[in-house]
Protein backbone atom coordinates (compact mmCIF):
# COMPACT_ATOMS: atom_id res chain seq x y z
CA MET A 1 -44.66 27.09 -75.24
CA GLU A 2 -46.32 30.46 -74.74
CA HIS A 3 -42.93 32.01 -73.91
CA VAL A 4 -41.44 30.63 -77.13
CA ARG A 5 -44.34 32.07 -79.17
CA ARG A 6 -43.87 35.46 -77.50
CA ALA A 7 -40.10 35.38 -78.14
CA THR A 8 -40.76 34.45 -81.76
CA ALA A 9 -42.96 37.53 -82.00
CA GLY A 10 -40.00 39.66 -80.85
CA GLU A 11 -40.71 39.96 -77.13
CA THR A 12 -38.00 39.42 -74.50
CA ILE A 13 -39.14 37.48 -71.44
CA LEU A 14 -37.18 37.97 -68.21
CA VAL A 15 -36.80 34.93 -65.94
CA THR A 16 -36.44 35.88 -62.29
CA ASP A 17 -35.47 34.16 -59.06
CA ARG A 18 -36.65 35.99 -55.95
CA GLY A 19 -36.96 39.22 -57.88
CA ARG A 20 -33.53 39.00 -59.52
CA VAL A 21 -33.28 38.51 -63.31
CA VAL A 22 -31.33 35.29 -63.96
CA ALA A 23 -32.09 34.67 -67.65
CA GLU A 24 -33.71 36.09 -70.73
CA ILE A 25 -35.73 34.37 -73.40
CA GLY A 26 -36.00 36.32 -76.61
CA PRO A 27 -35.47 36.42 -80.33
CA PRO A 28 -31.92 35.79 -81.57
CA GLN A 29 -29.71 38.85 -81.68
CA ARG A 30 -28.91 40.09 -85.16
CA THR A 31 -25.21 40.20 -84.34
CA GLY A 32 -25.32 36.64 -83.06
CA SER A 33 -24.64 33.65 -85.22
CA ARG A 34 -27.01 30.81 -85.84
CA ILE A 35 -24.12 28.41 -86.30
CA PRO A 36 -24.16 25.84 -83.44
CA ALA A 37 -20.36 25.95 -83.10
CA ASP A 38 -20.61 29.68 -82.33
CA ALA A 39 -23.16 28.95 -79.60
CA VAL A 40 -20.80 26.38 -78.08
CA LEU A 41 -17.91 28.85 -78.27
CA ALA A 42 -20.04 31.54 -76.59
CA ASP A 43 -20.91 29.09 -73.80
CA VAL A 44 -17.24 28.18 -73.27
CA VAL A 45 -16.35 31.89 -73.01
CA ARG A 46 -19.26 32.46 -70.62
CA ARG A 47 -18.02 29.64 -68.38
CA GLY A 48 -14.56 31.23 -68.30
CA TRP A 49 -12.83 28.27 -69.96
CA LEU A 50 -11.63 30.47 -72.82
CA THR A 51 -10.79 34.14 -73.13
CA PRO A 52 -11.48 35.75 -76.49
CA ALA A 53 -8.81 37.76 -78.26
CA ALA A 54 -8.33 41.29 -76.93
CA SER A 55 -8.66 42.78 -80.40
CA PRO A 56 -10.32 40.36 -82.83
CA GLY A 57 -9.12 40.69 -86.39
CA SER A 58 -5.63 41.82 -85.52
CA GLU A 59 -2.61 39.89 -86.67
CA PRO A 60 -1.47 37.01 -84.47
CA PRO A 61 1.59 37.66 -82.30
CA ARG A 62 4.90 36.92 -83.96
CA GLY A 63 6.79 34.00 -82.52
CA GLY A 64 10.48 33.69 -81.92
CA PRO A 65 12.78 31.21 -83.61
CA PRO A 66 11.73 27.56 -83.57
CA VAL A 67 12.63 25.62 -80.43
CA ALA A 68 13.30 22.46 -82.43
CA THR A 69 13.14 21.24 -85.99
CA LEU A 70 10.34 19.00 -87.17
CA SER A 71 12.70 16.01 -87.41
CA GLU A 72 13.84 16.57 -83.80
CA LEU A 73 10.25 16.73 -82.60
CA LEU A 74 9.34 13.56 -84.50
CA GLU A 75 12.34 11.74 -83.02
CA GLU A 76 11.31 12.75 -79.51
CA LEU A 77 7.76 11.63 -80.22
CA ASP A 78 8.98 8.22 -81.40
CA GLU A 79 11.13 7.90 -78.26
CA ASP A 80 8.17 8.74 -76.01
CA ARG A 81 5.94 6.24 -77.78
CA SER A 82 8.49 3.45 -77.46
CA ARG A 83 8.57 3.73 -73.64
């Protein structure tokens, strides 16, 4: 609990393993979000399961023409479900 109190006071505590820093305990970063979903997203990116956009805020890439119409897709879905 002492480490949490020190982090609350603004200190950053370095956690080491054989002299190598492996973690930090500290106050939340101002740029970080306190929303739990953002923390989960950050963890997923850290694990390499997701790659963030190269330039956040830019327009999404434009797609080509549709591969199939909605009715065609729904028909195929019904066929797959009936098997």
